[in-house]
Amino acid sequence: MSRIDAKFAELNAAGNKAFVAYVMAGDPDYEKGLKIVKGLPAAGVDIIELGIPFTDPMADGTTIQLAGQRALANGQNLEKTLQYARELRKTDDTTPIVLMGYYNPIYSRGVDKFLVDAVAAGIDGLIIVDLPPEEDSELCLPAQEAGINFIRLATPTTDDKRLPKVLTNTSGFVYYVSVTGITGTASAQAGDVAPEVTRIKSKTDLPIIVGFGIKTPQAAEDIARIADGAVVGSAIVERIGAGDSVADVLAFVKSLADGTHRA
């Protein structure tokens, strides 16, 4: 059983929903970013999504684009992002860590080397937004053979014809993108998301986690009531970009986690 599977089993047994927090590795700099990541579990985060900074993040809005630019400007790269996982694993062997980003940095490192290093670092899952199911042989299948979950995105435009293809070879959970477009723009609406979650649940036993457009504790609670959990990224990254202290960022994260866990 993977850490992700174990986390959902634990949450289900307690009747709880999952709170997933996204932060960009190396933002605003290596040391402060690492302090934030290390503080996430105590702030109530069930699964950590760790962004891999990349020069051309086509699915991301301004907030996360700027975070990636800050991280890259400070020398963050894939190796230093894996080091974040290694550092967290020194004190926490249970919180799942999912790397989220684009294929280029992984391809440049070499898939085989990356997977060996990722397993050794304690990475549990991958969300690679520019690798569709048609490219599963590139990374998805090798990752799963290495014991790393490959988590797929479903969107409002994923119709019934496309959905089975999206769900094929997906593991860990399904990430439902609640709005059409890039991160950090429109707000998620539970009324719009509910029928889509129901539709996807009719086709898979995997947990459905909803992200994009969740900015407040109340919104996280509303979404978690109709899904298996909520993801917040841009709202957290925005606080980091504004220069909030580590303590203030983690206090905000805790408020989001508390909202999710009220569902």
Protein backbone atom coordinates (compact mmCIF):
# COMPACT_ATOMS: atom_id res chain seq x y z
CA MET A 1 0.00 0.00 0.00
CA SER A 2 1.40 3.39 -0.99
CA ARG A 3 1.50 6.32 1.42
CA ILE A 4 -1.30 7.90 -0.61
CA ASP A 5 -3.48 4.78 -0.30
CA ALA A 6 -2.69 4.57 3.40
CA LYS A 7 -3.60 8.23 3.93
CA PHE A 8 -6.99 7.85 2.27
CA ALA A 9 -7.67 4.65 4.23
CA GLU A 10 -6.86 6.53 7.44
CA LEU A 11 -9.07 9.48 6.49
CA ASN A 12 -11.95 7.25 5.42
CA ALA A 13 -11.79 5.30 8.65
CA ALA A 14 -12.11 8.57 10.57
CA GLY A 15 -14.82 9.95 8.29
CA ASN A 16 -12.55 12.81 7.17
CA LYS A 17 -11.76 14.46 3.85
CA ALA A 18 -8.28 15.14 2.51
CA PHE A 19 -6.69 18.56 2.47
CA VAL A 20 -3.98 18.85 -0.18
CA ALA A 21 -1.68 21.88 -0.24
CA TYR A 22 0.41 22.95 -3.22
CA VAL A 23 3.55 25.02 -2.85
CA MET A 24 6.30 25.78 -5.34
CA ALA A 25 9.61 24.27 -4.26
CA GLY A 26 12.21 26.96 -3.69
CA ASP A 27 9.72 29.81 -3.33
CA PRO A 28 10.56 32.48 -2.28
CA ASP A 29 13.98 30.93 -1.66
CA TYR A 30 15.32 27.50 -0.73
CA GLU A 31 15.47 27.91 3.05
CA LYS A 32 12.15 29.68 3.61
CA GLY A 33 10.41 27.37 1.18
CA LEU A 34 11.77 24.34 3.02
CA LYS A 35 10.58 25.69 6.38
CA ILE A 36 7.09 26.08 4.94
CA VAL A 37 7.09 22.55 3.51
CA LYS A 38 8.30 21.06 6.79
CA GLY A 39 5.50 22.89 8.62
CA LEU A 40 2.68 21.73 6.38
CA PRO A 41 1.86 18.41 8.12
CA ALA A 42 1.49 20.09 11.53
CA ALA A 43 -0.77 22.68 9.88
CA GLY A 44 -3.19 19.92 8.93
CA VAL A 45 -2.04 19.09 5.41
CA ASP A 46 -2.81 15.48 4.50
CA ILE A 47 -0.96 15.39 1.16
CA ILE A 48 1.77 17.78 -0.01
CA GLU A 49 1.94 18.79 -3.66
CA LEU A 50 5.40 20.07 -4.41
CA GLY A 51 5.72 22.16 -7.55
CA ILE A 52 8.74 21.66 -9.79
CA PRO A 53 9.73 25.10 -11.11
CA PHE A 54 9.75 25.32 -14.89
CA THR A 55 10.29 28.11 -17.36
CA ASP A 56 7.10 27.56 -19.39
CA PRO A 57 4.26 26.55 -17.04
CA MET A 58 1.43 26.63 -19.56
CA ALA A 59 -1.33 25.46 -17.20
CA ASP A 60 -0.54 27.99 -14.48
CA GLY A 61 -1.78 31.49 -13.86
CA THR A 62 0.25 34.51 -12.91
CA THR A 63 0.59 33.64 -9.21
CA ILE A 64 2.26 30.28 -9.78
CA GLN A 65 4.19 31.50 -12.81
CA LEU A 66 5.77 34.18 -10.63
CA ALA A 67 6.49 31.62 -7.91
CA GLY A 68 8.32 29.49 -10.43
CA GLN A 69 10.29 32.50 -11.63
CA ARG A 70 11.31 33.37 -8.07
CA ALA A 71 12.39 29.80 -7.43
CA LEU A 72 14.37 29.52 -10.67
CA ALA A 73 16.03 32.88 -10.04
CA ASN A 74 17.24 31.52 -6.69
CA GLY A 75 18.69 28.41 -8.28
CA GLN A 76 15.92 25.91 -7.56
CA ASN A 77 15.88 22.89 -9.83
CA LEU A 78 14.64 19.31 -9.88
CA GLU A 79 17.52 18.04 -7.74
CA LYS A 80 16.88 20.65 -5.04
CA THR A 81 13.18 19.83 -5.20
CA LEU A 82 13.96 16.18 -4.51
CA GLN A 83 16.13 17.40 -1.65
CA TYR A 84 13.01 18.97 -0.09
CA ALA A 85 11.48 15.49 0.01
CA ARG A 86 14.64 14.00 1.50
CA GLU A 87 14.66 16.66 4.22
CA LEU A 88 11.00 16.11 5.09
CA ARG A 89 11.47 12.36 5.22
CA LYS A 90 14.06 12.75 7.98
CA THR A 91 11.21 13.56 10.38
CA ASP A 92 8.03 12.48 8.56
CA ASP A 93 7.65 9.10 6.90
CA THR A 94 3.87 9.15 6.53
CA THR A 95 2.74 12.35 4.78
CA PRO A 96 2.46 11.65 1.03
CA ILE A 97 4.50 13.90 -1.27
CA VAL A 98 3.34 14.43 -4.84
CA LEU A 99 5.50 16.20 -7.39
CA MET A 100 3.50 18.42 -9.73
CA GLY A 101 4.82 20.04 -12.85
CA TYR A 102 5.89 19.45 -16.42
CA TYR A 103 7.72 16.68 -18.20
CA ASN A 104 10.73 18.64 -19.47
CA PRO A 105 12.80 18.66 -16.23
CA ILE A 106 12.19 14.94 -15.77
CA TYR A 107 12.99 14.14 -19.41
CA SER A 108 16.17 16.21 -19.15
CA ARG A 109 17.28 14.28 -16.06
CA GLY A 110 16.41 10.96 -17.68
CA VAL A 111 13.31 9.01 -16.68
CA ASP A 112 15.17 6.01 -15.26
CA LYS A 113 17.49 8.13 -13.13
CA PHE A 114 14.63 10.36 -12.02
CA LEU A 115 12.52 7.44 -10.85
CA VAL A 116 15.37 5.86 -8.89
CA ASP A 117 16.08 9.21 -7.24
CA ALA A 118 12.40 9.97 -6.61
CA VAL A 119 11.79 6.63 -4.90
CA ALA A 120 14.91 7.12 -2.77
CA ALA A 121 13.74 10.63 -1.83
CA GLY A 122 10.34 9.38 -0.68
CA ILE A 123 8.17 10.70 -3.52
CA ASP A 124 4.77 9.02 -3.64
CA GLY A 125 3.04 10.44 -6.69
CA LEU A 126 3.40 12.48 -9.86
CA ILE A 127 1.07 14.96 -11.53
CA ILE A 128 2.63 15.84 -14.89
CA VAL A 129 0.17 18.11 -16.60
CA ASP A 130 1.55 17.96 -20.14
CA LEU A 131 1.68 14.17 -20.49
CA PRO A 132 -1.68 12.87 -21.80
CA PRO A 133 -2.69 9.19 -21.54
CA GLU A 134 -1.48 8.62 -25.10
CA GLU A 135 2.07 9.10 -23.75
CA ASP A 136 1.77 6.65 -20.83
CA SER A 137 4.84 4.71 -21.94
CA GLU A 138 6.99 7.84 -21.42
CA LEU A 139 6.60 8.11 -17.66
CA CYS A 140 3.26 6.87 -16.29
CA LEU A 141 3.88 3.15 -16.70
CA PRO A 142 7.55 3.24 -15.61
CA ALA A 143 6.57 5.32 -12.57
CA GLN A 144 3.89 2.86 -11.51
CA GLU A 145 6.30 -0.03 -11.98
CA ALA A 146 8.65 1.83 -9.62
CA GLY A 147 5.87 2.16 -7.03
CA ILE A 148 4.99 5.81 -7.65
CA ASN A 149 1.36 6.75 -8.24
CA PHE A 150 0.61 8.59 -11.46
CA ILE A 151 -2.26 10.99 -10.82
CA ARG A 152 -4.27 12.24 -13.75
CA LEU A 153 -6.23 15.44 -14.22
CA ALA A 154 -9.89 15.42 -15.27
CA THR A 155 -11.49 18.70 -16.31
CA PRO A 156 -14.90 20.15 -17.15
CA THR A 157 -14.16 19.33 -20.79
CA THR A 158 -13.39 15.65 -20.09
CA ASP A 159 -16.53 14.12 -21.59
CA ASP A 160 -17.82 10.56 -21.23
CA LYS A 161 -15.92 9.48 -24.32
CA ARG A 162 -12.60 10.79 -23.02
CA LEU A 163 -13.01 9.91 -19.33
CA PRO A 164 -12.19 6.17 -19.58
CA LYS A 165 -8.92 7.02 -21.31
CA VAL A 166 -8.05 9.53 -18.57
CA LEU A 167 -8.79 6.98 -15.85
CA THR A 168 -6.73 4.22 -17.46
CA ASN A 169 -3.47 3.71 -15.52
CA THR A 170 -4.38 6.47 -13.05
CA SER A 171 -3.65 5.63 -9.41
CA GLY A 172 -3.61 7.30 -6.00
CA PHE A 173 -6.44 9.70 -6.72
CA VAL A 174 -8.06 11.64 -9.54
CA TYR A 175 -7.47 15.39 -9.55
CA TYR A 176 -10.59 17.14 -10.82
CA VAL A 177 -9.88 20.61 -12.17
CA SER A 178 -12.96 22.56 -11.14
CA VAL A 179 -12.70 25.41 -13.64
CA THR A 180 -11.78 25.72 -17.28
CA GLY A 181 -8.50 27.54 -17.78
CA ILE A 182 -5.38 28.22 -15.77
CA THR A 183 -4.71 28.14 -12.03
CA GLY A 184 -5.65 30.98 -9.73
CA THR A 185 -8.37 32.59 -11.86
CA ALA A 186 -12.05 31.69 -11.50
CA SER A 187 -13.50 30.45 -8.20
CA ALA A 188 -14.72 26.89 -7.84
CA GLN A 189 -18.46 26.51 -7.37
CA ALA A 190 -19.62 23.44 -5.46
CA GLY A 191 -22.92 23.38 -7.34
CA ASP A 192 -21.10 23.08 -10.66
CA VAL A 193 -18.55 20.59 -9.38
CA ALA A 194 -20.96 18.16 -7.63
CA PRO A 195 -22.46 16.52 -10.75
CA GLU A 196 -19.01 16.17 -12.30
CA VAL A 197 -17.65 14.45 -9.19
CA THR A 198 -20.65 12.11 -9.22
CA ARG A 199 -20.06 11.33 -12.89
CA ILE A 200 -16.39 10.52 -12.36
CA LYS A 201 -17.13 8.46 -9.24
CA SER A 202 -19.47 6.29 -11.30
CA LYS A 203 -16.44 5.26 -13.38
CA THR A 204 -13.73 4.75 -10.74
CA ASP A 205 -13.19 3.71 -7.14
CA LEU A 206 -10.31 6.17 -6.74
CA PRO A 207 -10.77 9.21 -4.48
CA ILE A 208 -11.71 12.43 -6.31
CA ILE A 209 -9.84 15.52 -5.12
CA VAL A 210 -10.93 18.90 -6.44
CA GLY A 211 -8.54 21.77 -7.13
CA PHE A 212 -8.24 25.11 -8.94
CA GLY A 213 -10.24 28.10 -7.74
CA ILE A 214 -10.42 27.23 -4.02
CA LYS A 215 -9.29 30.29 -2.09
CA THR A 216 -10.95 30.33 1.34
CA PRO A 217 -11.66 27.93 4.24
CA GLN A 218 -15.37 28.09 3.41
CA ALA A 219 -14.76 27.22 -0.23
CA ALA A 220 -12.55 24.31 0.84
CA GLU A 221 -15.30 23.06 3.14
CA ASP A 222 -17.95 23.41 0.44
CA ILE A 223 -15.88 21.47 -2.07
CA ALA A 224 -14.86 18.78 0.42
CA ARG A 225 -18.52 18.12 1.20
CA ILE A 226 -19.09 16.90 -2.36
CA ALA A 227 -15.67 15.35 -3.08
CA ASP A 228 -13.05 13.33 -1.22
CA GLY A 229 -10.98 16.42 -0.53
CA ALA A 230 -9.77 19.80 -1.72
CA VAL A 231 -6.53 21.17 -3.15
CA VAL A 232 -5.41 24.75 -2.55
CA GLY A 233 -2.40 26.16 -4.35
CA SER A 234 -2.56 29.70 -5.69
CA ALA A 235 -4.10 31.18 -2.53
CA ILE A 236 -1.18 29.81 -0.48
CA VAL A 237 1.44 30.75 -3.05
CA GLU A 238 0.01 34.26 -3.17
CA ARG A 239 0.71 34.68 0.57
CA ILE A 240 4.27 33.45 0.07
CA GLY A 241 4.76 35.85 -2.82
CA ALA A 242 3.44 38.73 -0.74
CA GLY A 243 6.21 38.15 1.78
CA ASP A 244 4.16 36.66 4.62
CA SER A 245 6.20 35.04 7.36
CA VAL A 246 6.47 31.27 7.59
CA ALA A 247 4.20 31.37 10.65
CA ASP A 248 1.57 33.45 8.85
CA VAL A 249 1.62 31.22 5.78
CA LEU A 250 1.19 28.11 7.93
CA ALA A 251 -1.62 29.77 9.93
CA PHE A 252 -3.45 30.41 6.66
CA VAL A 253 -2.83 26.82 5.56
CA LYS A 254 -4.25 25.60 8.89
CA SER A 255 -7.42 27.64 8.34
CA LEU A 256 -7.88 25.95 4.94
CA ALA A 257 -7.18 22.51 6.42
CA ASP A 258 -9.66 23.15 9.22
CA GLY A 259 -12.29 24.18 6.66
CA THR A 260 -11.72 21.00 4.65
CA HIS A 261 -11.82 18.81 7.73
CA ARG A 262 -15.16 20.31 8.84
CA ALA A 263 -16.80 18.80 5.76
